[in-house]
Amino acid sequence: MYALDIIQPKVSRHLALLRDVGLVSCRRQGQWIYYQLHVDLPLWALDVINAAQVGSQNLAPYNSDIENLISMPNRPGSACTA
């Protein structure tokens, strides 16, 4: 929410769609839900995701999203994100 400057219901809706199609998996810890790429993704899917990340890392708005996330105050689990 903080990095993308969008509301929580929109983030939840999009993450639920990604979970429903098997792209991400999640675990609950207290009030937080942690998402990660699904461990059973095929290699070709990981290659596509990695290529998209490399290709967009220095482009707006993606680089400003990362800067926003890094500067987030009180960010839980900051060592395992981005």
PDB file of N, CA and C in Angstrom:
ATOM      1  N   MET A   1       0.832  -1.183   0.000  1.00  0.00           N
ATOM      2  CA  MET A   1       0.000   0.000   0.000  1.00  0.00           C
ATOM      3  C   MET A   1       0.879   1.250   0.000  1.00  0.00           C
ATOM      4  N   TYR A   2       1.865   1.250   0.885  1.00  0.00           N
ATOM      5  CA  TYR A   2       2.702   2.433   1.043  1.00  0.00           C
ATOM      6  C   TYR A   2       3.514   2.700  -0.223  1.00  0.00           C
ATOM      7  N   ALA A   3       4.154   1.674  -0.742  1.00  0.00           N
ATOM      8  CA  ALA A   3       5.026   1.855  -1.904  1.00  0.00           C
ATOM      9  C   ALA A   3       4.234   2.254  -3.142  1.00  0.00           C
ATOM     10  N   LEU A   4       3.068   1.671  -3.329  1.00  0.00           N
ATOM     11  CA  LEU A   4       2.273   1.927  -4.535  1.00  0.00           C
ATOM     12  C   LEU A   4       1.265   3.044  -4.368  1.00  0.00           C
ATOM     13  N   ASP A   5       1.062   3.484  -3.129  1.00  0.00           N
ATOM     14  CA  ASP A   5       0.094   4.527  -2.816  1.00  0.00           C
ATOM     15  C   ASP A   5      -1.307   4.165  -3.302  1.00  0.00           C
ATOM     16  N   ILE A   6      -1.721   2.933  -2.941  1.00  0.00           N
ATOM     17  CA  ILE A   6      -3.081   2.479  -3.247  1.00  0.00           C
ATOM     18  C   ILE A   6      -3.713   1.935  -1.965  1.00  0.00           C
ATOM     19  N   ILE A   7      -5.020   1.837  -1.960  1.00  0.00           N
ATOM     20  CA  ILE A   7      -5.741   1.451  -0.748  1.00  0.00           C
ATOM     21  C   ILE A   7      -5.659  -0.060  -0.498  1.00  0.00           C
ATOM     22  N   GLN A   8      -5.793  -0.436   0.764  1.00  0.00           N
ATOM     23  CA  GLN A   8      -5.654  -1.827   1.199  1.00  0.00           C
ATOM     24  C   GLN A   8      -6.616  -2.778   0.491  1.00  0.00           C
ATOM     25  N   PRO A   9      -7.901  -2.441   0.326  1.00  0.00           N
ATOM     26  CA  PRO A   9      -8.788  -3.391  -0.353  1.00  0.00           C
ATOM     27  C   PRO A   9      -8.336  -3.723  -1.783  1.00  0.00           C
ATOM     28  N   LYS A  10      -7.778  -2.750  -2.474  1.00  0.00           N
ATOM     29  CA  LYS A  10      -7.295  -2.996  -3.830  1.00  0.00           C
ATOM     30  C   LYS A  10      -6.088  -3.932  -3.808  1.00  0.00           C
ATOM     31  N   VAL A  11      -5.163  -3.716  -2.870  1.00  0.00           N
ATOM     32  CA  VAL A  11      -4.004  -4.592  -2.739  1.00  0.00           C
ATOM     33  C   VAL A  11      -4.462  -6.012  -2.416  1.00  0.00           C
ATOM     34  N   SER A  12      -5.362  -6.155  -1.464  1.00  0.00           N
ATOM     35  CA  SER A  12      -5.860  -7.476  -1.071  1.00  0.00           C
ATOM     36  C   SER A  12      -6.532  -8.189  -2.228  1.00  0.00           C
ATOM     37  N   ARG A  13      -7.314  -7.473  -2.984  1.00  0.00           N
ATOM     38  CA  ARG A  13      -8.022  -8.057  -4.132  1.00  0.00           C
ATOM     39  C   ARG A  13      -7.023  -8.581  -5.169  1.00  0.00           C
ATOM     40  N   HIS A  14      -6.001  -7.792  -5.472  1.00  0.00           N
ATOM     41  CA  HIS A  14      -5.012  -8.214  -6.457  1.00  0.00           C
ATOM     42  C   HIS A  14      -4.166  -9.390  -5.955  1.00  0.00           C
ATOM     43  N   LEU A  15      -3.777  -9.351  -4.680  1.00  0.00           N
ATOM     44  CA  LEU A  15      -3.016 -10.465  -4.127  1.00  0.00           C
ATOM     45  C   LEU A  15      -3.856 -11.745  -4.091  1.00  0.00           C
ATOM     46  N   ALA A  16      -5.141 -11.630  -3.813  1.00  0.00           N
ATOM     47  CA  ALA A  16      -6.030 -12.801  -3.817  1.00  0.00           C
ATOM     48  C   ALA A  16      -6.115 -13.406  -5.220  1.00  0.00           C
ATOM     49  N   LEU A  17      -6.159 -12.558  -6.228  1.00  0.00           N
ATOM     50  CA  LEU A  17      -6.180 -13.068  -7.608  1.00  0.00           C
ATOM     51  C   LEU A  17      -4.884 -13.808  -7.931  1.00  0.00           C
ATOM     52  N   LEU A  18      -3.761 -13.239  -7.529  1.00  0.00           N
ATOM     53  CA  LEU A  18      -2.473 -13.903  -7.770  1.00  0.00           C
ATOM     54  C   LEU A  18      -2.394 -15.232  -7.015  1.00  0.00           C
ATOM     55  N   ARG A  19      -2.934 -15.261  -5.809  1.00  0.00           N
ATOM     56  CA  ARG A  19      -2.975 -16.502  -5.026  1.00  0.00           C
ATOM     57  C   ARG A  19      -3.885 -17.533  -5.695  1.00  0.00           C
ATOM     58  N   ASP A  20      -5.048 -17.092  -6.161  1.00  0.00           N
ATOM     59  CA  ASP A  20      -6.017 -18.005  -6.760  1.00  0.00           C
ATOM     60  C   ASP A  20      -5.503 -18.673  -8.037  1.00  0.00           C
ATOM     61  N   VAL A  21      -4.655 -17.984  -8.781  1.00  0.00           N
ATOM     62  CA  VAL A  21      -4.102 -18.591 -10.001  1.00  0.00           C
ATOM     63  C   VAL A  21      -2.797 -19.332  -9.745  1.00  0.00           C
ATOM     64  N   GLY A  22      -2.336 -19.347  -8.493  1.00  0.00           N
ATOM     65  CA  GLY A  22      -1.168 -20.127  -8.126  1.00  0.00           C
ATOM     66  C   GLY A  22       0.168 -19.444  -8.324  1.00  0.00           C
ATOM     67  N   LEU A  23       0.160 -18.148  -8.563  1.00  0.00           N
ATOM     68  CA  LEU A  23       1.419 -17.428  -8.746  1.00  0.00           C
ATOM     69  C   LEU A  23       2.115 -17.153  -7.419  1.00  0.00           C
ATOM     70  N   VAL A  24       1.336 -16.881  -6.372  1.00  0.00           N
ATOM     71  CA  VAL A  24       1.903 -16.640  -5.048  1.00  0.00           C
ATOM     72  C   VAL A  24       1.249 -17.561  -4.030  1.00  0.00           C
ATOM     73  N   SER A  25       1.953 -17.772  -2.930  1.00  0.00           N
ATOM     74  CA  SER A  25       1.389 -18.462  -1.773  1.00  0.00           C
ATOM     75  C   SER A  25       1.493 -17.500  -0.606  1.00  0.00           C
ATOM     76  N   CYS A  26       0.761 -17.793   0.468  1.00  0.00           N
ATOM     77  CA  CYS A  26       0.762 -16.864   1.595  1.00  0.00           C
ATOM     78  C   CYS A  26       0.720 -17.623   2.909  1.00  0.00           C
ATOM     79  N   ARG A  27       1.121 -16.913   3.957  1.00  0.00           N
ATOM     80  CA  ARG A  27       1.006 -17.431   5.320  1.00  0.00           C
ATOM     81  C   ARG A  27       0.606 -16.274   6.218  1.00  0.00           C
ATOM     82  N   ARG A  28      -0.188 -16.591   7.217  1.00  0.00           N
ATOM     83  CA  ARG A  28      -0.638 -15.582   8.169  1.00  0.00           C
ATOM     84  C   ARG A  28       0.230 -15.648   9.413  1.00  0.00           C
ATOM     85  N   GLN A  29       0.602 -14.460   9.894  1.00  0.00           N
ATOM     86  CA  GLN A  29       1.327 -14.353  11.165  1.00  0.00           C
ATOM     87  C   GLN A  29       0.711 -13.177  11.908  1.00  0.00           C
ATOM     88  N   GLY A  30      -0.144 -13.498  12.873  1.00  0.00           N
ATOM     89  CA  GLY A  30      -0.866 -12.441  13.580  1.00  0.00           C
ATOM     90  C   GLY A  30      -1.793 -11.712  12.622  1.00  0.00           C
ATOM     91  N   GLN A  31      -1.694 -10.390  12.595  1.00  0.00           N
ATOM     92  CA  GLN A  31      -2.564  -9.608  11.710  1.00  0.00           C
ATOM     93  C   GLN A  31      -1.998  -9.492  10.301  1.00  0.00           C
ATOM     94  N   TRP A  32      -0.755  -9.925  10.095  1.00  0.00           N
ATOM     95  CA  TRP A  32      -0.081  -9.781   8.811  1.00  0.00           C
ATOM     96  C   TRP A  32      -0.214 -11.044   7.979  1.00  0.00           C
ATOM     97  N   ILE A  33      -0.335 -10.866   6.672  1.00  0.00           N
ATOM     98  CA  ILE A  33      -0.279 -11.982   5.734  1.00  0.00           C
ATOM     99  C   ILE A  33       0.933 -11.744   4.848  1.00  0.00           C
ATOM    100  N   TYR A  34       1.818 -12.733   4.803  1.00  0.00           N
ATOM    101  CA  TYR A  34       3.048 -12.627   4.028  1.00  0.00           C
ATOM    102  C   TYR A  34       2.900 -13.435   2.738  1.00  0.00           C
ATOM    103  N   TYR A  35       3.198 -12.812   1.619  1.00  0.00           N
ATOM    104  CA  TYR A  35       3.094 -13.437   0.311  1.00  0.00           C
ATOM    105  C   TYR A  35       4.477 -13.678  -0.255  1.00  0.00           C
ATOM    106  N   GLN A  36       4.602 -14.755  -1.033  1.00  0.00           N
ATOM    107  CA  GLN A  36       5.843 -15.039  -1.742  1.00  0.00           C
ATOM    108  C   GLN A  36       5.491 -15.750  -3.040  1.00  0.00           C
ATOM    109  N   LEU A  37       6.421 -15.757  -3.967  1.00  0.00           N
ATOM    110  CA  LEU A  37       6.194 -16.520  -5.182  1.00  0.00           C
ATOM    111  C   LEU A  37       5.985 -17.977  -4.802  1.00  0.00           C
ATOM    112  N   HIS A  38       5.065 -18.629  -5.472  1.00  0.00           N
ATOM    113  CA  HIS A  38       4.765 -20.024  -5.162  1.00  0.00           C
ATOM    114  C   HIS A  38       5.990 -20.879  -5.454  1.00  0.00           C
ATOM    115  N   VAL A  39       6.312 -21.798  -4.544  1.00  0.00           N
ATOM    116  CA  VAL A  39       7.523 -22.608  -4.683  1.00  0.00           C
ATOM    117  C   VAL A  39       7.455 -23.575  -5.861  1.00  0.00           C
ATOM    118  N   ASP A  40       6.267 -23.893  -6.346  1.00  0.00           N
ATOM    119  CA  ASP A  40       6.114 -24.852  -7.441  1.00  0.00           C
ATOM    120  C   ASP A  40       5.977 -24.197  -8.813  1.00  0.00           C
ATOM    121  N   LEU A  41       6.335 -22.918  -8.926  1.00  0.00           N
ATOM    122  CA  LEU A  41       6.260 -22.275 -10.236  1.00  0.00           C
ATOM    123  C   LEU A  41       7.249 -22.947 -11.185  1.00  0.00           C
ATOM    124  N   PRO A  42       6.841 -23.150 -12.435  1.00  0.00           N
ATOM    125  CA  PRO A  42       7.784 -23.735 -13.392  1.00  0.00           C
ATOM    126  C   PRO A  42       8.925 -22.761 -13.697  1.00  0.00           C
ATOM    127  N   LEU A  43      10.034 -23.298 -14.146  1.00  0.00           N
ATOM    128  CA  LEU A  43      11.218 -22.500 -14.418  1.00  0.00           C
ATOM    129  C   LEU A  43      10.944 -21.407 -15.442  1.00  0.00           C
ATOM    130  N   TRP A  44      10.125 -21.702 -16.463  1.00  0.00           N
ATOM    131  CA  TRP A  44       9.848 -20.688 -17.479  1.00  0.00           C
ATOM    132  C   TRP A  44       9.125 -19.494 -16.868  1.00  0.00           C
ATOM    133  N   ALA A  45       8.241 -19.733 -15.885  1.00  0.00           N
ATOM    134  CA  ALA A  45       7.514 -18.634 -15.243  1.00  0.00           C
ATOM    135  C   ALA A  45       8.468 -17.778 -14.415  1.00  0.00           C
ATOM    136  N   LEU A  46       9.389 -18.424 -13.712  1.00  0.00           N
ATOM    137  CA  LEU A  46      10.394 -17.671 -12.951  1.00  0.00           C
ATOM    138  C   LEU A  46      11.284 -16.858 -13.882  1.00  0.00           C
ATOM    139  N   ASP A  47      11.617 -17.423 -15.052  1.00  0.00           N
ATOM    140  CA  ASP A  47      12.427 -16.690 -16.026  1.00  0.00           C
ATOM    141  C   ASP A  47      11.699 -15.445 -16.518  1.00  0.00           C
ATOM    142  N   VAL A  48      10.398 -15.553 -16.755  1.00  0.00           N
ATOM    143  CA  VAL A  48       9.604 -14.405 -17.199  1.00  0.00           C
ATOM    144  C   VAL A  48       9.566 -13.332 -16.113  1.00  0.00           C
ATOM    145  N   ILE A  49       9.349 -13.743 -14.870  1.00  0.00           N
ATOM    146  CA  ILE A  49       9.299 -12.794 -13.751  1.00  0.00           C
ATOM    147  C   ILE A  49      10.652 -12.107 -13.576  1.00  0.00           C
ATOM    148  N   ASN A  50      11.730 -12.870 -13.638  1.00  0.00           N
ATOM    149  CA  ASN A  50      13.070 -12.287 -13.500  1.00  0.00           C
ATOM    150  C   ASN A  50      13.378 -11.321 -14.636  1.00  0.00           C
ATOM    151  N   ALA A  51      13.008 -11.671 -15.864  1.00  0.00           N
ATOM    152  CA  ALA A  51      13.248 -10.779 -17.001  1.00  0.00           C
ATOM    153  C   ALA A  51      12.459  -9.483 -16.854  1.00  0.00           C
ATOM    154  N   ALA A  52      11.234  -9.580 -16.366  1.00  0.00           N
ATOM    155  CA  ALA A  52      10.426  -8.377 -16.150  1.00  0.00           C
ATOM    156  C   ALA A  52      11.051  -7.497 -15.072  1.00  0.00           C
ATOM    157  N   GLN A  53      11.561  -8.118 -14.029  1.00  0.00           N
ATOM    158  CA  GLN A  53      12.201  -7.353 -12.953  1.00  0.00           C
ATOM    159  C   GLN A  53      13.445  -6.636 -13.467  1.00  0.00           C
ATOM    160  N   VAL A  54      14.297  -7.352 -14.172  1.00  0.00           N
ATOM    161  CA  VAL A  54      15.529  -6.751 -14.694  1.00  0.00           C
ATOM    162  C   VAL A  54      15.203  -5.643 -15.690  1.00  0.00           C
ATOM    163  N   GLY A  55      14.231  -5.879 -16.549  1.00  0.00           N
ATOM    164  CA  GLY A  55      13.885  -4.904 -17.573  1.00  0.00           C
ATOM    165  C   GLY A  55      13.233  -3.647 -17.046  1.00  0.00           C
ATOM    166  N   SER A  56      12.661  -3.718 -15.868  1.00  0.00           N
ATOM    167  CA  SER A  56      11.931  -2.557 -15.347  1.00  0.00           C
ATOM    168  C   SER A  56      12.609  -1.881 -14.160  1.00  0.00           C
ATOM    169  N   GLN A  57      13.716  -2.405 -13.689  1.00  0.00           N
ATOM    170  CA  GLN A  57      14.288  -1.919 -12.432  1.00  0.00           C
ATOM    171  C   GLN A  57      14.738  -0.469 -12.470  1.00  0.00           C
ATOM    172  N   ASN A  58      15.072   0.065 -13.613  1.00  0.00           N
ATOM    173  CA  ASN A  58      15.513   1.462 -13.682  1.00  0.00           C
ATOM    174  C   ASN A  58      14.495   2.363 -14.361  1.00  0.00           C
ATOM    175  N   LEU A  59      13.275   1.902 -14.470  1.00  0.00           N
ATOM    176  CA  LEU A  59      12.232   2.668 -15.139  1.00  0.00           C
ATOM    177  C   LEU A  59      11.226   3.212 -14.135  1.00  0.00           C
ATOM    178  N   ALA A  60      10.727   4.409 -14.415  1.00  0.00           N
ATOM    179  CA  ALA A  60       9.617   4.954 -13.625  1.00  0.00           C
ATOM    180  C   ALA A  60       8.359   4.217 -14.077  1.00  0.00           C
ATOM    181  N   PRO A  61       7.438   3.932 -13.225  1.00  0.00           N
ATOM    182  CA  PRO A  61       7.351   4.273 -11.805  1.00  0.00           C
ATOM    183  C   PRO A  61       7.961   3.220 -10.892  1.00  0.00           C
ATOM    184  N   TYR A  62       8.531   2.152 -11.447  1.00  0.00           N
ATOM    185  CA  TYR A  62       8.990   1.038 -10.621  1.00  0.00           C
ATOM    186  C   TYR A  62      10.116   1.424  -9.675  1.00  0.00           C
ATOM    187  N   ASN A  63      11.063   2.227 -10.138  1.00  0.00           N
ATOM    188  CA  ASN A  63      12.164   2.600  -9.252  1.00  0.00           C
ATOM    189  C   ASN A  63      11.679   3.482  -8.105  1.00  0.00           C
ATOM    190  N   SER A  64      10.691   4.314  -8.333  1.00  0.00           N
ATOM    191  CA  SER A  64      10.163   5.128  -7.227  1.00  0.00           C
ATOM    192  C   SER A  64       9.355   4.271  -6.243  1.00  0.00           C
ATOM    193  N   ASP A  65       8.732   3.193  -6.730  1.00  0.00           N
ATOM    194  CA  ASP A  65       8.027   2.281  -5.826  1.00  0.00           C
ATOM    195  C   ASP A  65       9.002   1.653  -4.840  1.00  0.00           C
ATOM    196  N   ILE A  66      10.157   1.243  -5.336  1.00  0.00           N
ATOM    197  CA  ILE A  66      11.170   0.635  -4.464  1.00  0.00           C
ATOM    198  C   ILE A  66      11.695   1.662  -3.473  1.00  0.00           C
ATOM    199  N   GLU A  67      11.940   2.880  -3.939  1.00  0.00           N
ATOM    200  CA  GLU A  67      12.401   3.938  -3.030  1.00  0.00           C
ATOM    201  C   GLU A  67      11.361   4.204  -1.945  1.00  0.00           C
ATOM    202  N   ASN A  68      10.082   4.217  -2.312  1.00  0.00           N
ATOM    203  CA  ASN A  68       9.014   4.409  -1.325  1.00  0.00           C
ATOM    204  C   ASN A  68       9.023   3.289  -0.294  1.00  0.00           C
ATOM    205  N   LEU A  69       9.195   2.058  -0.752  1.00  0.00           N
ATOM    206  CA  LEU A  69       9.193   0.916   0.150  1.00  0.00           C
ATOM    207  C   LEU A  69      10.376   0.971   1.107  1.00  0.00           C
ATOM    208  N   ILE A  70      11.545   1.327   0.598  1.00  0.00           N
ATOM    209  CA  ILE A  70      12.734   1.421   1.444  1.00  0.00           C
ATOM    210  C   ILE A  70      12.560   2.487   2.528  1.00  0.00           C
ATOM    211  N   SER A  71      11.886   3.585   2.182  1.00  0.00           N
ATOM    212  CA  SER A  71      11.731   4.685   3.138  1.00  0.00           C
ATOM    213  C   SER A  71      10.539   4.516   4.072  1.00  0.00           C
ATOM    214  N   MET A  72       9.800   3.412   3.943  1.00  0.00           N
ATOM    215  CA  MET A  72       8.601   3.209   4.762  1.00  0.00           C
ATOM    216  C   MET A  72       8.951   3.114   6.241  1.00  0.00           C
ATOM    217  N   PRO A  73       8.345   3.955   7.079  1.00  0.00           N
ATOM    218  CA  PRO A  73       8.597   3.862   8.517  1.00  0.00           C
ATOM    219  C   PRO A  73       7.884   2.634   9.117  1.00  0.00           C
ATOM    220  N   ASN A  74       8.494   2.018  10.105  1.00  0.00           N
ATOM    221  CA  ASN A  74       7.893   0.879  10.834  1.00  0.00           C
ATOM    222  C   ASN A  74       7.501  -0.272   9.925  1.00  0.00           C
ATOM    223  N   ARG A  75       8.301  -0.515   8.908  1.00  0.00           N
ATOM    224  CA  ARG A  75       7.988  -1.571   7.951  1.00  0.00           C
ATOM    225  C   ARG A  75       8.271  -2.938   8.575  1.00  0.00           C
ATOM    226  N   PRO A  76       7.240  -3.817   8.673  1.00  0.00           N
ATOM    227  CA  PRO A  76       7.457  -5.143   9.238  1.00  0.00           C
ATOM    228  C   PRO A  76       8.199  -6.031   8.256  1.00  0.00           C
ATOM    229  N   GLY A  77       9.110  -6.830   8.752  1.00  0.00           N
ATOM    230  CA  GLY A  77       9.797  -7.806   7.907  1.00  0.00           C
ATOM    231  C   GLY A  77      10.601  -7.185   6.790  1.00  0.00           C
ATOM    232  N   SER A  78      11.201  -6.028   7.016  1.00  0.00           N
ATOM    233  CA  SER A  78      11.879  -5.309   5.939  1.00  0.00           C
ATOM    234  C   SER A  78      13.031  -6.090   5.337  1.00  0.00           C
ATOM    235  N   ALA A  79      13.605  -7.011   6.062  1.00  0.00           N
ATOM    236  CA  ALA A  79      14.740  -7.758   5.530  1.00  0.00           C
ATOM    237  C   ALA A  79      14.320  -8.774   4.478  1.00  0.00           C
ATOM    238  N   CYS A  80      13.032  -9.130   4.409  1.00  0.00           N
ATOM    239  CA  CYS A  80      12.612 -10.197   3.484  1.00  0.00           C
ATOM    240  C   CYS A  80      11.823  -9.664   2.297  1.00  0.00           C
ATOM    241  N   THR A  81      11.802  -8.387   2.054  1.00  0.00           N
ATOM    242  CA  THR A  81      11.000  -7.815   0.973  1.00  0.00           C
ATOM    243  C   THR A  81      11.887  -7.058   0.000  1.00  0.00           C
ATOM    244  N   ALA A  82      11.405  -6.964  -1.235  1.00  0.00           N
ATOM    245  CA  ALA A  82      12.044  -6.188  -2.317  1.00  0.00           C
ATOM    246  C   ALA A  82      13.320  -6.764  -2.785  1.00  0.00           C
TER     247      ALA A  82
END
